[in-house]
Amino acid sequence: MADRRLALGLSGGGDSLALLHALRRACPDIELHALIVDHGLRPQSAREAEFAQAAALKAGARAAILRWDQPRKGQAHARLARHRLLARACLERGLSHLCLGHTLDDRVETLRIRQSRAGGPDRLAGPRMADPSPVWPEGAGLVILRPFLGLRRDRLRRYLRALGESWLEDPSNEDIAYERVRVRKDAWPAGGERERALLALSDDVRAARETRGASAFALIKQAAQIAAWGGVKLDAAAFASRDAAIACLALETLVLAVSGDAGPPAPDQTRALLEAVAAGRAATVGGAMLTADGWLGRDPGAAAGRADGAPGAAPLSLAAGETGVFDGRWGITAHQPLRAASLGPRQKCDGDADIPAKLRPGLAALRDGSTGELLALPGVNAEPMARCELLAETRIEARLLSPTFPAWFDRDQCAREIEAGLANAAARPNINA
């Protein structure tokens, strides 16, 4: 049976509240989880979260308030913290799709901001109706859905007025200290020539990026063999024979998959890694190590922290029945009290004989939660102590392939509900829609 459950990021603002009501009406039989982030950046944030919670419960959704324990000013920090909180809440509830109320206006504002900054053309790809979560490892396997990405912000508020619903206005949306607010106040004419040209350019850039992603995914399938313990054996000749841009995209994705890092290495580092693959040379980059015989795995030297300042992986302690993610590579459900940490130098474990010696210290290892005794390696001999899922393929697919809406969910049905609600309101007398 299809998992007819969705998460919804609910702020209490007009966009997310319109999505709440549209989802409840368009999909009345789903289990909807409204996740509300109390960012703590303003004294009234707790009251705003309670308003959103009450609206969700009234609409028949389940509701939970998620609190940011260490609020830090700045929209970039707040956005990242919000996504992490939402992703963790989805993971705890076993939810794989998170709906957000982003609109066409949001898309245009994002593209205008990115257009004003330096960088390659990919910065203009912009948000899609379905995207992987932007955080790792909290967002592993989580898909962000934006059913309203083709609708204008003002139509959503007209819809709420037609329903007789109120919403909150975030005062930070008037603060010109924020770049997005300045762009919003300098709005282009909706549907005007500049906007149409920017959206068309974004569509072209996005299509080209998706084509490159599919080609890089095909190269990985052809020329990279993922081992159960987390390393990848590369076919150097296949990588050397492909277009350099495709090969570099595939390699930087593999570096993420084997290192567990949140972000990819710099482009010049990836190009140097491609040269090392072709030449049969050892190399280290972005938390990954390449051996001379073509094995790519987690850099053992990164376990204690890297030279670029990236911290090492913190040990993960799990009680029996608990689930967690260790070092961005392993999803672990413990069947007994366990502690996951890097194997480290001069350690041996049953089953590791076929693993390249240089990569062994960087392996994930499971130890007894009480005594610290070395027990097993995830992917090698961890059963029956734990169920271990290597996240490499999940990472590769999320980065290179376009995610989709659940098969049971028509991506346009929420937009149709908005239009139907406005039409019904227009047909009734004395309704200001």
Protein backbone atom coordinates (compact mmCIF):
# COMPACT_ATOMS: atom_id res chain seq x y z
CA MET A 1 0.00 0.00 0.00
CA ALA A 2 1.26 3.48 -0.87
CA ASP A 3 2.55 5.57 2.02
CA ARG A 4 -0.03 8.37 1.87
CA ARG A 5 1.71 10.61 4.36
CA LEU A 6 3.23 14.05 3.87
CA ALA A 7 5.10 16.53 6.01
CA LEU A 8 4.38 20.24 5.70
CA GLY A 9 6.69 23.04 6.79
CA LEU A 10 4.23 25.45 8.39
CA SER A 11 5.20 28.95 9.51
CA GLY A 12 1.76 30.51 9.92
CA GLY A 13 2.40 32.84 6.98
CA GLY A 14 0.06 33.11 4.03
CA ASP A 15 1.92 30.75 1.71
CA SER A 16 2.25 27.80 4.06
CA LEU A 17 -1.25 28.24 5.50
CA ALA A 18 -2.73 28.24 1.99
CA LEU A 19 -0.83 25.02 1.33
CA LEU A 20 -2.16 23.51 4.56
CA HIS A 21 -5.76 24.15 3.54
CA ALA A 22 -5.24 23.16 -0.08
CA LEU A 23 -3.66 19.86 0.95
CA ARG A 24 -6.46 19.06 3.39
CA ARG A 25 -9.09 19.70 0.72
CA ALA A 26 -7.29 18.20 -2.27
CA CYS A 27 -6.06 15.11 -0.36
CA PRO A 28 -8.51 14.63 2.53
CA ASP A 29 -7.45 11.04 3.22
CA ILE A 30 -3.72 11.64 3.74
CA GLU A 31 -1.90 11.76 7.06
CA LEU A 32 -0.51 15.30 7.15
CA HIS A 33 2.20 16.27 9.62
CA ALA A 34 2.57 20.04 10.11
CA LEU A 35 6.10 20.81 11.33
CA ILE A 36 6.47 24.28 12.82
CA VAL A 37 9.88 25.82 13.51
CA ASP A 38 10.13 28.22 16.45
CA HIS A 39 13.32 30.04 15.46
CA GLY A 40 13.53 32.06 18.68
CA LEU A 41 14.90 35.13 16.89
CA ARG A 42 12.07 37.41 18.03
CA PRO A 43 10.19 37.54 21.36
CA GLN A 44 6.92 36.72 19.60
CA SER A 45 8.23 33.62 17.79
CA ALA A 46 6.78 31.21 20.38
CA ARG A 47 3.35 32.80 20.07
CA GLU A 48 3.56 32.63 16.26
CA ALA A 49 4.44 28.93 16.46
CA GLU A 50 1.42 28.32 18.69
CA PHE A 51 -0.80 30.14 16.18
CA ALA A 52 0.45 27.85 13.40
CA GLN A 53 -0.02 24.78 15.58
CA ALA A 54 -3.62 25.74 16.35
CA ALA A 55 -4.34 26.31 12.65
CA ALA A 56 -2.90 22.91 11.77
CA LEU A 57 -4.90 21.08 14.42
CA LYS A 58 -8.08 22.88 13.39
CA ALA A 59 -7.48 21.76 9.80
CA GLY A 60 -7.12 18.12 10.90
CA ALA A 61 -3.34 17.80 10.60
CA ARG A 62 -0.94 16.49 13.20
CA ALA A 63 1.25 19.28 14.50
CA ALA A 64 4.63 19.56 16.20
CA ILE A 65 6.68 22.61 17.18
CA LEU A 66 10.42 22.30 16.56
CA ARG A 67 12.63 24.69 18.52
CA TRP A 68 15.97 26.07 17.40
CA ASP A 69 18.03 25.85 20.57
CA GLN A 70 20.87 28.11 19.39
CA PRO A 71 19.29 30.91 17.34
CA ARG A 72 21.76 32.90 15.26
CA LYS A 73 20.86 35.98 13.26
CA GLY A 74 21.14 35.93 9.50
CA GLN A 75 18.72 34.51 6.95
CA ALA A 76 21.24 31.97 5.63
CA HIS A 77 21.84 30.55 9.13
CA ALA A 78 18.12 30.49 9.88
CA ARG A 79 17.32 28.74 6.58
CA LEU A 80 19.94 26.04 7.19
CA ALA A 81 18.81 25.49 10.78
CA ARG A 82 15.17 25.30 9.67
CA HIS A 83 15.95 22.68 7.04
CA ARG A 84 17.93 20.63 9.55
CA LEU A 85 15.14 20.72 12.11
CA LEU A 86 12.54 19.79 9.50
CA ALA A 87 14.70 16.99 8.09
CA ARG A 88 15.35 15.48 11.53
CA ALA A 89 11.64 15.60 12.34
CA CYS A 90 10.82 13.85 9.05
CA LEU A 91 13.46 11.19 9.75
CA GLU A 92 12.03 10.56 13.23
CA ARG A 93 8.54 10.10 11.76
CA GLY A 94 9.60 8.05 8.76
CA LEU A 95 8.39 10.74 6.32
CA SER A 96 10.06 10.95 2.91
CA HIS A 97 8.34 14.02 1.39
CA LEU A 98 8.22 17.54 2.84
CA CYS A 99 5.92 20.16 1.28
CA LEU A 100 6.91 23.83 1.36
CA GLY A 101 4.80 26.81 0.31
CA HIS A 102 7.30 28.46 -2.07
CA THR A 103 5.65 30.43 -4.87
CA LEU A 104 6.51 31.74 -8.32
CA ASP A 105 7.40 35.05 -6.66
CA ASP A 106 9.91 33.21 -4.44
CA ARG A 107 11.43 31.56 -7.49
CA VAL A 108 11.85 34.86 -9.32
CA GLU A 109 13.37 36.54 -6.23
CA THR A 110 15.82 33.66 -5.79
CA LEU A 111 16.90 33.85 -9.43
CA ARG A 112 17.35 37.62 -9.29
CA ILE A 113 19.55 37.30 -6.21
CA ARG A 114 21.64 34.57 -7.81
CA GLN A 115 21.87 36.50 -11.08
CA SER A 116 23.49 39.40 -9.23
CA ARG A 117 26.24 37.21 -7.83
CA ALA A 118 29.37 35.75 -9.37
CA GLY A 119 29.51 32.07 -10.25
CA GLY A 120 28.86 29.58 -12.98
CA PRO A 121 25.62 29.28 -14.93
CA ASP A 122 24.31 26.51 -12.65
CA ARG A 123 23.48 29.14 -10.03
CA LEU A 124 20.53 30.08 -12.25
CA ALA A 125 18.99 26.62 -12.20
CA GLY A 126 16.79 27.72 -9.31
CA PRO A 127 14.34 25.74 -7.19
CA ARG A 128 12.17 23.01 -8.73
CA MET A 129 8.79 21.60 -7.75
CA ALA A 130 10.68 18.57 -6.43
CA ASP A 131 14.23 18.80 -5.05
CA PRO A 132 16.37 16.78 -2.64
CA SER A 133 16.71 18.21 0.85
CA PRO A 134 19.59 20.72 0.94
CA VAL A 135 21.03 19.33 4.19
CA TRP A 136 23.12 16.21 4.73
CA PRO A 137 23.02 13.77 6.43
CA GLU A 138 19.81 14.87 8.16
CA GLY A 139 18.03 15.09 4.82
CA ALA A 140 19.15 11.73 3.40
CA GLY A 141 16.31 10.38 1.26
CA LEU A 142 14.06 13.40 1.92
CA VAL A 143 12.40 15.09 -1.08
CA ILE A 144 11.23 18.72 -0.91
CA LEU A 145 7.93 19.33 -2.75
CA ARG A 146 6.78 22.80 -3.85
CA PRO A 147 3.25 22.42 -5.25
CA PHE A 148 2.79 26.22 -5.47
CA LEU A 149 5.92 27.05 -7.44
CA GLY A 150 3.83 28.14 -10.42
CA LEU A 151 1.40 30.30 -8.42
CA ARG A 152 1.61 33.94 -7.36
CA ARG A 153 1.77 34.90 -3.71
CA ASP A 154 -1.25 37.20 -3.94
CA ARG A 155 -3.52 34.39 -5.22
CA LEU A 156 -2.76 32.35 -2.10
CA ARG A 157 -3.82 35.21 0.14
CA ARG A 158 -6.98 35.72 -1.89
CA TYR A 159 -7.68 32.01 -1.39
CA LEU A 160 -7.26 32.33 2.38
CA ARG A 161 -9.57 35.34 2.47
CA ALA A 162 -12.13 33.34 0.48
CA LEU A 163 -11.93 30.64 3.16
CA GLY A 164 -12.23 33.19 5.94
CA GLU A 165 -8.77 32.30 7.26
CA SER A 166 -6.18 34.68 8.73
CA TRP A 167 -2.40 34.42 8.59
CA LEU A 168 0.71 35.97 10.10
CA GLU A 169 2.96 38.55 8.49
CA ASP A 170 6.65 38.15 9.34
CA PRO A 171 8.04 41.61 10.24
CA SER A 172 11.43 40.61 8.85
CA ASN A 173 9.79 40.69 5.40
CA GLU A 174 9.87 44.50 5.72
CA ASP A 175 13.50 44.75 6.87
CA ILE A 176 15.58 46.11 3.99
CA ALA A 177 18.74 44.86 5.73
CA TYR A 178 17.93 41.57 3.99
CA GLU A 179 18.73 41.22 0.30
CA ARG A 180 15.55 39.31 -0.49
CA VAL A 181 13.44 42.10 1.01
CA ARG A 182 15.23 44.69 -1.13
CA VAL A 183 14.61 42.59 -4.23
CA ARG A 184 10.96 42.14 -3.26
CA LYS A 185 10.46 45.88 -2.81
CA ASP A 186 12.06 46.46 -6.22
CA ALA A 187 9.64 44.02 -7.82
CA TRP A 188 9.61 43.51 -11.56
CA PRO A 189 6.21 43.60 -13.28
CA ALA A 190 4.64 40.17 -12.83
CA GLY A 191 4.78 38.31 -16.12
CA GLY A 192 6.82 41.09 -17.72
CA GLU A 193 9.52 40.64 -20.34
CA ARG A 194 12.45 40.61 -17.89
CA GLU A 195 10.76 38.04 -15.68
CA ARG A 196 9.82 35.79 -18.60
CA ALA A 197 13.38 35.95 -19.96
CA LEU A 198 14.91 35.08 -16.57
CA LEU A 199 12.52 32.15 -16.04
CA ALA A 200 13.22 30.83 -19.54
CA LEU A 201 16.97 31.08 -18.93
CA SER A 202 16.55 29.22 -15.65
CA ASP A 203 14.56 26.48 -17.38
CA ASP A 204 17.33 26.05 -19.95
CA VAL A 205 20.07 25.96 -17.31
CA ARG A 206 18.12 23.48 -15.24
CA ALA A 207 17.48 21.20 -18.23
CA ALA A 208 21.18 21.24 -19.11
CA ARG A 209 22.14 20.44 -15.51
CA GLU A 210 19.68 17.57 -15.39
CA THR A 211 21.14 16.19 -18.63
CA ARG A 212 24.67 16.37 -17.18
CA GLY A 213 23.44 14.74 -13.99
CA ALA A 214 21.91 11.83 -15.89
CA SER A 215 25.15 11.37 -17.88
CA ALA A 216 27.26 11.44 -14.71
CA PHE A 217 24.92 8.91 -13.09
CA ALA A 218 25.29 6.62 -16.12
CA LEU A 219 29.09 6.92 -15.87
CA ILE A 220 28.99 5.94 -12.19
CA LYS A 221 26.83 2.93 -12.99
CA GLN A 222 29.26 1.89 -15.72
CA ALA A 223 32.61 2.66 -14.13
CA ALA A 224 32.27 2.75 -10.32
CA GLN A 225 31.65 -0.37 -8.25
CA ILE A 226 30.39 0.42 -4.75
CA ALA A 227 31.65 -2.06 -2.17
CA ALA A 228 29.53 -3.11 0.81
CA TRP A 229 31.99 -1.50 3.25
CA GLY A 230 31.64 1.93 1.61
CA GLY A 231 34.54 2.22 -0.82
CA VAL A 232 34.29 2.58 -4.59
CA LYS A 233 36.48 0.87 -7.21
CA LEU A 234 36.95 3.14 -10.21
CA ASP A 235 37.48 2.15 -13.83
CA ALA A 236 40.19 4.69 -14.67
CA ALA A 237 39.97 4.18 -18.42
CA ALA A 238 36.22 4.85 -18.46
CA PHE A 239 36.62 8.08 -16.51
CA ALA A 240 39.53 9.23 -18.67
CA SER A 241 37.59 8.65 -21.89
CA ARG A 242 34.52 10.69 -20.93
CA ASP A 243 33.89 14.41 -21.29
CA ALA A 244 35.81 16.10 -18.46
CA ALA A 245 32.76 18.01 -17.16
CA ILE A 246 30.73 14.80 -16.85
CA ALA A 247 33.64 12.88 -15.31
CA CYS A 248 34.27 15.66 -12.76
CA LEU A 249 30.58 15.79 -11.80
CA ALA A 250 30.59 12.02 -11.30
CA LEU A 251 33.81 12.16 -9.26
CA GLU A 252 32.74 14.99 -6.97
CA THR A 253 29.50 13.09 -6.32
CA LEU A 254 31.47 9.95 -5.48
CA VAL A 255 33.68 11.98 -3.13
CA LEU A 256 30.53 13.04 -1.28
CA ALA A 257 29.27 9.46 -1.22
CA VAL A 258 32.44 7.99 0.30
CA SER A 259 33.37 10.89 2.60
CA GLY A 260 29.93 11.74 3.97
CA ASP A 261 30.80 15.45 3.72
CA ALA A 262 28.01 17.99 3.51
CA GLY A 263 29.44 19.78 0.45
CA PRO A 264 31.61 18.89 -2.56
CA PRO A 265 35.28 19.74 -3.04
CA ALA A 266 36.30 22.83 -4.99
CA PRO A 267 36.25 22.43 -8.80
CA ASP A 268 40.04 22.65 -9.11
CA GLN A 269 40.41 19.86 -6.54
CA THR A 270 38.00 17.65 -8.48
CA ARG A 271 39.92 18.27 -11.73
CA ALA A 272 43.14 17.31 -9.94
CA LEU A 273 41.45 14.15 -8.69
CA LEU A 274 40.38 13.24 -12.23
CA GLU A 275 43.99 13.63 -13.37
CA ALA A 276 45.13 11.36 -10.54
CA VAL A 277 42.54 8.72 -11.49
CA ALA A 278 43.74 8.74 -15.11
CA ALA A 279 47.40 8.59 -14.08
CA GLY A 280 46.99 5.89 -11.45
CA ARG A 281 48.24 8.15 -8.67
CA ALA A 282 47.16 8.29 -5.04
CA ALA A 283 45.44 11.49 -3.91
CA THR A 284 43.31 12.97 -1.15
CA VAL A 285 40.52 15.51 -1.64
CA GLY A 286 37.44 16.67 0.27
CA GLY A 287 37.61 13.99 2.96
CA ALA A 288 38.21 11.18 0.44
CA MET A 289 41.33 9.17 -0.41
CA LEU A 290 42.18 7.67 -3.79
CA THR A 291 44.61 4.76 -3.77
CA ALA A 292 47.02 4.18 -6.65
CA ASP A 293 45.07 1.09 -7.70
CA GLY A 294 41.82 3.01 -8.09
CA TRP A 295 39.97 2.60 -4.78
CA LEU A 296 38.16 5.69 -3.51
CA GLY A 297 37.22 5.73 0.18
CA ARG A 298 36.99 7.92 3.23
CA ASP A 299 40.29 9.61 4.01
CA PRO A 300 41.53 8.09 7.31
CA GLY A 301 43.26 11.37 8.08
CA ALA A 302 39.89 13.14 8.15
CA ALA A 303 38.73 11.16 11.18
CA ALA A 304 40.32 13.65 13.59
CA GLY A 305 39.56 16.73 11.48
CA ARG A 306 40.94 18.00 8.20
CA ALA A 307 43.55 20.63 7.39
CA ASP A 308 40.83 22.86 5.89
CA GLY A 309 39.10 23.02 9.28
CA ALA A 310 36.34 20.48 8.63
CA PRO A 311 35.79 18.55 11.89
CA GLY A 312 36.08 14.82 12.19
CA ALA A 313 33.02 12.64 12.61
CA ALA A 314 31.68 12.68 16.17
CA PRO A 315 31.07 9.21 17.65
CA LEU A 316 27.45 8.05 17.61
CA SER A 317 26.02 6.30 20.67
CA LEU A 318 22.81 4.33 20.22
CA ALA A 319 20.62 2.45 22.66
CA ALA A 320 18.91 -0.74 21.53
CA GLY A 321 16.24 0.16 18.98
CA GLU A 322 17.61 3.63 18.26
CA THR A 323 18.49 4.85 14.77
CA GLY A 324 21.08 7.42 13.75
CA VAL A 325 23.46 8.45 10.99
CA PHE A 326 27.20 8.12 11.52
CA ASP A 327 29.74 10.24 9.60
CA GLY A 328 27.30 11.01 6.79
CA ARG A 329 27.73 7.51 5.32
CA TRP A 330 25.86 5.01 7.47
CA GLY A 331 22.30 4.82 8.69
CA ILE A 332 22.45 2.53 11.73
CA THR A 333 19.67 0.93 13.76
CA ALA A 334 21.13 -0.68 16.86
CA HIS A 335 19.85 -4.04 18.14
CA GLN A 336 21.92 -3.59 21.31
CA PRO A 337 23.74 -0.63 22.92
CA LEU A 338 26.44 0.43 20.44
CA ARG A 339 28.92 3.17 19.73
CA ALA A 340 29.91 3.97 16.13
CA ALA A 341 33.28 5.60 15.50
CA SER A 342 36.13 5.48 13.00
CA LEU A 343 38.14 2.24 13.16
CA GLY A 344 41.41 4.12 13.55
CA PRO A 345 45.01 3.01 12.98
CA ARG A 346 46.41 -0.34 14.08
CA GLN A 347 42.94 -1.82 14.46
CA LYS A 348 41.84 -5.09 12.91
CA CYS A 349 38.41 -6.59 12.60
CA ASP A 350 37.11 -9.85 11.18
CA GLY A 351 36.15 -9.49 7.53
CA ASP A 352 38.41 -6.58 6.62
CA ALA A 353 41.08 -8.57 4.80
CA ASP A 354 39.93 -7.53 1.31
CA ILE A 355 39.70 -3.84 2.15
CA PRO A 356 42.69 -1.73 1.01
CA ALA A 357 45.02 -1.29 3.97
CA LYS A 358 45.35 2.48 3.48
CA LEU A 359 41.59 2.91 3.76
CA ARG A 360 40.97 0.65 6.77
CA PRO A 361 41.58 3.31 9.47
CA GLY A 362 38.77 5.41 7.97
CA LEU A 363 36.19 2.65 8.13
CA ALA A 364 33.18 3.00 10.37
CA ALA A 365 33.34 0.57 13.30
CA LEU A 366 30.81 -0.60 15.86
CA ARG A 367 31.86 -1.00 19.48
CA ASP A 368 30.08 -2.28 22.56
CA GLY A 369 28.20 0.61 24.15
CA SER A 370 29.46 -0.27 27.63
CA THR A 371 32.93 -1.77 27.28
CA GLY A 372 34.12 -0.14 24.04
CA GLU A 373 35.09 -3.54 22.66
CA LEU A 374 35.42 -3.59 18.86
CA LEU A 375 32.57 -5.70 17.52
CA ALA A 376 32.02 -5.31 13.79
CA LEU A 377 32.19 -3.17 10.65
CA PRO A 378 29.00 -1.86 9.00
CA GLY A 379 28.47 -3.55 5.67
CA VAL A 380 30.85 -6.37 6.57
CA ASN A 381 29.75 -8.31 9.66
CA ALA A 382 27.42 -6.04 11.67
CA GLU A 383 24.40 -8.36 11.73
CA PRO A 384 22.79 -9.26 14.12
CA MET A 385 24.14 -6.37 16.25
CA ALA A 386 22.72 -3.66 14.02
CA ARG A 387 21.01 -2.96 10.73
CA CYS A 388 23.37 -0.79 8.70
CA GLU A 389 22.42 1.04 5.51
CA LEU A 390 25.17 2.48 3.34
CA LEU A 391 23.90 5.87 2.13
CA ALA A 392 26.20 6.14 -0.88
CA GLU A 393 23.61 5.27 -3.52
CA THR A 394 21.01 7.50 -1.86
CA ARG A 395 23.52 10.37 -2.02
CA ILE A 396 24.38 9.71 -5.66
CA GLU A 397 20.77 9.52 -6.80
CA ALA A 398 19.74 12.63 -4.85
CA ARG A 399 22.54 14.68 -6.38
CA LEU A 400 22.33 13.54 -9.98
CA LEU A 401 18.74 12.46 -10.66
CA SER A 402 15.55 14.51 -10.55
CA PRO A 403 13.31 13.50 -7.62
CA THR A 404 9.58 13.14 -8.14
CA PHE A 405 6.27 13.55 -6.35
CA PRO A 406 4.76 10.43 -4.75
CA ALA A 407 2.99 8.35 -7.40
CA TRP A 408 -0.38 8.91 -5.68
CA PHE A 409 0.00 12.70 -5.53
CA ASP A 410 -0.92 14.76 -8.60
CA ARG A 411 1.51 17.67 -8.47
CA ASP A 412 -1.12 20.10 -9.82
CA GLN A 413 -3.99 19.16 -7.53
CA CYS A 414 -3.19 21.82 -4.90
CA ALA A 415 -3.08 24.51 -7.58
CA ARG A 416 -6.45 23.31 -8.87
CA GLU A 417 -7.85 23.53 -5.34
CA ILE A 418 -6.71 27.18 -5.14
CA GLU A 419 -8.41 28.01 -8.42
CA ALA A 420 -11.58 26.15 -7.40
CA GLY A 421 -11.68 27.96 -4.06
CA LEU A 422 -11.34 31.34 -5.76
CA ALA A 423 -14.00 30.47 -8.36
CA ASN A 424 -16.45 29.35 -5.67
CA ALA A 425 -15.86 32.52 -3.71
CA ALA A 426 -16.40 34.67 -6.79
CA ALA A 427 -19.74 32.94 -7.40
CA ARG A 428 -21.00 33.78 -3.91
CA PRO A 429 -22.39 37.24 -3.14
CA ASN A 430 -20.74 39.52 -0.59
CA ILE A 431 -17.44 37.62 -0.69
CA ASN A 432 -14.30 39.65 -1.20
CA ALA A 433 -11.96 37.08 -2.79
